[in-house]
Amino acid sequence: MNTQRWLALGILILLVACIATSNLWLGSLRGEEEPTPTPTEAAEEHAPEGEAGDEEAGTPLPLTPTPEPTANPIVEELMAAAQVEALGVGDEVFIILAGDFTTIDALHRAEGTASVYQLGDKLVLRLEPFTVTSGPDLHVILSQHEMPRTSAEALLPTHVDLGLLQSTSGSQNYNIPDDVDLADYKSVVIYSTSLNIVYSSATLTQVRGQ
């Protein structure tokens, strides 16, 4: 009986020793295995030289340059006509007076709009879109008559000649002298100075408070 007890005790001790020995071997094997890299670590490991670590080094990413705003070509033309190199801070460009050209007859007619622009303390007359029948010595004038049809109406009592018509078609700009008071003038007239004939006129009406 004692012999059997000792035999069973020996077998139990042997099992405990085997289990302890196997745990030591498994732990040693696990410690020798390399850890599985994360996706970020794997990407950095395979990245070309000089790319990895830029963010850690604080190197800023290249920024896409913001395109500069394109200037309004109409405003540029108006400024050129008024001989203004730059507008003052807070100066707006807007239309204060405008009117459409009318037809007198088949030979004397124009189409388009006459607009008076204000650029700070400067005034510019713009014809756009504009066409007029051809004639000699056509001038652009400001008349005190609302809708002149004769030479007397166009020129009486006073008028302002803004110069020779630049073209019988297309957009064009005319500087208005600083001493002109627009309150005294009611229309824009296309006038032949050699024939003393009105080719067309546009009655100016207020668009924005002066």
Protein backbone atom coordinates (compact mmCIF):
# COMPACT_ATOMS: atom_id res chain seq x y z
CA MET A 1 0.00 0.00 0.00
CA ASN A 2 2.77 2.38 0.83
CA THR A 3 4.50 1.43 -2.35
CA GLN A 4 1.47 2.39 -4.43
CA ARG A 5 1.19 5.75 -2.65
CA TRP A 6 4.80 6.59 -3.30
CA LEU A 7 4.41 5.54 -6.92
CA ALA A 8 1.37 7.78 -7.42
CA LEU A 9 3.13 10.67 -5.70
CA GLY A 10 6.12 10.24 -7.98
CA ILE A 11 3.96 10.26 -11.08
CA LEU A 12 2.20 13.44 -9.90
CA ILE A 13 5.55 15.19 -9.26
CA LEU A 14 6.75 14.17 -12.74
CA LEU A 15 3.60 15.63 -14.39
CA VAL A 16 3.99 18.90 -12.53
CA ALA A 17 7.63 19.12 -13.62
CA CYS A 18 6.70 18.48 -17.28
CA ILE A 19 4.01 21.16 -17.27
CA ALA A 20 6.36 23.70 -15.71
CA THR A 21 9.10 22.90 -18.20
CA SER A 22 6.71 23.24 -21.20
CA ASN A 23 5.51 26.67 -20.01
CA LEU A 24 9.12 27.89 -19.82
CA TRP A 25 9.79 26.73 -23.38
CA LEU A 26 6.60 28.32 -24.76
CA GLY A 27 7.36 31.62 -23.04
CA SER A 28 10.86 31.64 -24.47
CA LEU A 29 9.57 30.98 -27.98
CA ARG A 30 6.97 33.77 -27.72
CA GLY A 31 9.63 36.22 -26.58
CA GLU A 32 11.76 35.46 -29.62
CA GLU A 33 8.93 36.17 -32.14
CA GLU A 34 9.12 39.64 -33.81
CA PRO A 35 6.09 41.88 -33.29
CA THR A 36 3.84 42.39 -36.31
CA PRO A 37 4.36 45.94 -37.66
CA THR A 38 1.39 48.28 -37.87
CA PRO A 39 0.28 49.56 -41.34
CA THR A 40 1.86 52.95 -40.62
CA GLU A 41 5.16 51.39 -39.58
CA ALA A 42 5.13 49.17 -42.67
CA ALA A 43 4.51 52.17 -44.94
CA GLU A 44 7.34 54.14 -43.34
CA GLU A 45 9.66 51.15 -43.63
CA HIS A 46 9.07 50.87 -47.40
CA ALA A 47 8.86 54.63 -48.13
CA PRO A 48 11.63 56.14 -50.28
CA GLU A 49 14.47 57.76 -48.43
CA GLY A 50 13.67 61.33 -47.45
CA GLU A 51 9.86 60.89 -47.38
CA ALA A 52 9.47 59.12 -44.09
CA GLY A 53 9.61 61.32 -41.05
CA ASP A 54 8.91 64.59 -42.83
CA GLU A 55 5.80 65.16 -40.75
CA GLU A 56 7.69 64.39 -37.53
CA ALA A 57 10.47 66.72 -38.59
CA GLY A 58 7.94 69.51 -39.03
CA THR A 59 8.52 69.99 -42.76
CA PRO A 60 5.44 71.85 -44.12
CA LEU A 61 3.61 70.40 -47.10
CA PRO A 62 3.74 72.50 -50.28
CA LEU A 63 0.73 74.80 -50.61
CA THR A 64 -1.09 75.41 -53.87
CA PRO A 65 -0.75 79.14 -54.66
CA THR A 66 -4.04 81.04 -54.63
CA PRO A 67 -4.62 82.75 -57.99
CA GLU A 68 -4.87 86.51 -57.85
CA PRO A 69 -8.32 87.94 -58.66
CA THR A 70 -8.69 89.02 -62.25
CA ALA A 71 -9.31 92.75 -62.66
CA ASN A 72 -12.56 93.81 -64.28
CA PRO A 73 -11.69 94.80 -67.87
CA ILE A 74 -14.51 97.36 -68.02
CA VAL A 75 -13.23 99.08 -64.88
CA GLU A 76 -9.73 99.10 -66.35
CA GLU A 77 -11.05 100.77 -69.53
CA LEU A 78 -12.97 103.36 -67.51
CA MET A 79 -9.91 104.14 -65.39
CA ALA A 80 -7.81 104.54 -68.53
CA ALA A 81 -10.37 106.96 -70.02
CA ALA A 82 -10.44 108.99 -66.79
CA GLN A 83 -6.65 108.79 -66.50
CA VAL A 84 -6.95 107.26 -63.04
CA GLU A 85 -4.14 104.90 -62.04
CA ALA A 86 -5.81 103.56 -58.90
CA LEU A 87 -9.08 104.00 -57.06
CA GLY A 88 -9.13 105.30 -53.52
CA VAL A 89 -10.04 103.13 -50.56
CA GLY A 90 -13.82 102.73 -50.47
CA ASP A 91 -14.32 104.21 -53.95
CA GLU A 92 -16.96 102.31 -55.89
CA VAL A 93 -17.51 102.14 -59.64
CA PHE A 94 -21.19 102.46 -60.50
CA ILE A 95 -23.60 103.91 -63.05
CA ILE A 96 -25.41 107.09 -62.07
CA LEU A 97 -27.14 107.98 -65.37
CA ALA A 98 -28.13 105.91 -68.39
CA GLY A 99 -30.29 106.00 -71.51
CA ASP A 100 -30.89 104.13 -74.77
CA PHE A 101 -30.20 105.61 -78.20
CA THR A 102 -33.16 106.22 -80.51
CA THR A 103 -33.87 106.08 -84.25
CA ILE A 104 -34.56 109.31 -86.12
CA ASP A 105 -34.85 107.83 -89.62
CA ALA A 106 -33.27 105.12 -91.77
CA LEU A 107 -30.11 107.16 -92.34
CA HIS A 108 -29.80 108.61 -88.86
CA ARG A 109 -30.08 105.97 -86.18
CA ALA A 110 -28.08 104.37 -83.39
CA GLU A 111 -28.51 101.43 -81.05
CA GLY A 112 -27.09 100.77 -77.63
CA THR A 113 -26.90 102.38 -74.22
CA ALA A 114 -25.13 105.49 -72.97
CA SER A 115 -24.06 105.08 -69.33
CA VAL A 116 -22.34 107.60 -67.07
CA TYR A 117 -20.02 105.87 -64.61
CA GLN A 118 -18.68 107.40 -61.44
CA LEU A 119 -15.16 106.44 -60.33
CA GLY A 120 -14.50 108.26 -57.09
CA ASP A 121 -14.64 111.93 -58.15
CA LYS A 122 -14.29 111.14 -61.88
CA LEU A 123 -17.05 110.66 -64.46
CA VAL A 124 -16.82 108.59 -67.65
CA LEU A 125 -19.39 108.12 -70.42
CA ARG A 126 -19.50 104.58 -71.83
CA LEU A 127 -21.36 103.53 -75.00
CA GLU A 128 -22.12 99.81 -74.95
CA PRO A 129 -23.23 97.91 -76.93
CA PHE A 130 -23.20 100.57 -79.61
CA THR A 131 -23.71 100.99 -83.35
CA VAL A 132 -24.57 104.07 -85.43
CA THR A 133 -24.98 104.76 -89.12
CA SER A 134 -21.85 106.21 -90.70
CA GLY A 135 -21.50 109.93 -91.20
CA PRO A 136 -18.84 112.65 -91.46
CA ASP A 137 -17.34 114.27 -88.38
CA LEU A 138 -19.50 112.45 -85.85
CA HIS A 139 -19.00 113.78 -82.33
CA VAL A 140 -20.31 112.75 -78.91
CA ILE A 141 -21.88 115.66 -77.08
CA LEU A 142 -23.83 116.30 -73.91
CA SER A 143 -26.98 118.33 -74.59
CA GLN A 144 -29.31 120.24 -72.32
CA HIS A 145 -32.25 119.06 -74.43
CA GLU A 146 -33.85 115.77 -73.41
CA MET A 147 -34.37 114.49 -76.97
CA PRO A 148 -32.84 116.84 -79.55
CA ARG A 149 -33.71 116.35 -83.20
CA THR A 150 -32.34 119.54 -84.70
CA SER A 151 -29.04 121.36 -84.51
CA ALA A 152 -30.63 124.15 -82.47
CA GLU A 153 -32.03 121.71 -79.92
CA ALA A 154 -28.74 119.80 -79.62
CA LEU A 155 -26.53 122.87 -79.17
CA LEU A 156 -28.79 125.43 -77.49
CA PRO A 157 -28.13 127.04 -75.17
CA THR A 158 -24.85 125.25 -74.36
CA HIS A 159 -23.39 121.80 -74.89
CA VAL A 160 -20.27 119.79 -74.03
CA ASP A 161 -18.32 118.19 -76.86
CA LEU A 162 -16.65 115.02 -75.55
CA GLY A 163 -14.72 114.50 -78.77
CA LEU A 164 -14.79 112.72 -82.08
CA LEU A 165 -16.73 109.44 -82.14
CA GLN A 166 -14.13 106.68 -81.71
CA SER A 167 -15.96 104.12 -83.82
CA THR A 168 -19.37 103.55 -85.42
CA SER A 169 -19.61 100.24 -83.55
CA GLY A 170 -18.31 98.66 -80.37
CA SER A 171 -17.84 99.70 -76.76
CA GLN A 172 -16.09 103.04 -76.16
CA ASN A 173 -15.40 105.44 -73.30
CA TYR A 174 -15.26 109.24 -73.03
CA ASN A 175 -13.90 111.22 -70.11
CA ILE A 176 -16.25 113.90 -68.78
CA PRO A 177 -14.39 117.05 -67.66
CA ASP A 178 -14.33 117.73 -63.93
CA ASP A 179 -16.08 121.11 -64.30
CA VAL A 180 -19.17 119.62 -66.00
CA ASP A 181 -22.31 119.64 -63.85
CA LEU A 182 -24.41 116.72 -65.09
CA ALA A 183 -27.51 118.26 -63.56
CA ASP A 184 -27.46 120.72 -66.50
CA TYR A 185 -27.44 118.04 -69.22
CA LYS A 186 -30.24 115.70 -70.21
CA SER A 187 -28.98 113.65 -73.15
CA VAL A 188 -26.05 112.18 -75.06
CA VAL A 189 -26.07 113.06 -78.75
CA ILE A 190 -24.26 111.66 -81.77
CA TYR A 191 -23.87 114.79 -83.86
CA SER A 192 -22.26 115.58 -87.23
CA THR A 193 -20.43 118.86 -86.80
CA SER A 194 -19.88 119.29 -90.55
CA LEU A 195 -23.47 118.58 -91.57
CA ASN A 196 -25.08 120.01 -88.41
CA ILE A 197 -27.26 116.89 -88.18
CA VAL A 198 -28.31 114.85 -85.16
CA TYR A 199 -27.77 111.16 -85.89
CA SER A 200 -29.22 109.90 -82.62
CA SER A 201 -29.69 110.81 -78.98
CA ALA A 202 -30.13 109.00 -75.66
CA THR A 203 -32.11 110.62 -72.86
CA LEU A 204 -30.27 110.25 -69.57
CA THR A 205 -32.24 109.17 -66.52
CA GLN A 206 -30.99 108.74 -62.98
CA VAL A 207 -30.00 105.21 -62.08
CA ARG A 208 -28.39 105.82 -58.69
CA GLY A 209 -28.45 108.80 -56.40
CA GLN A 210 -25.60 111.20 -57.00
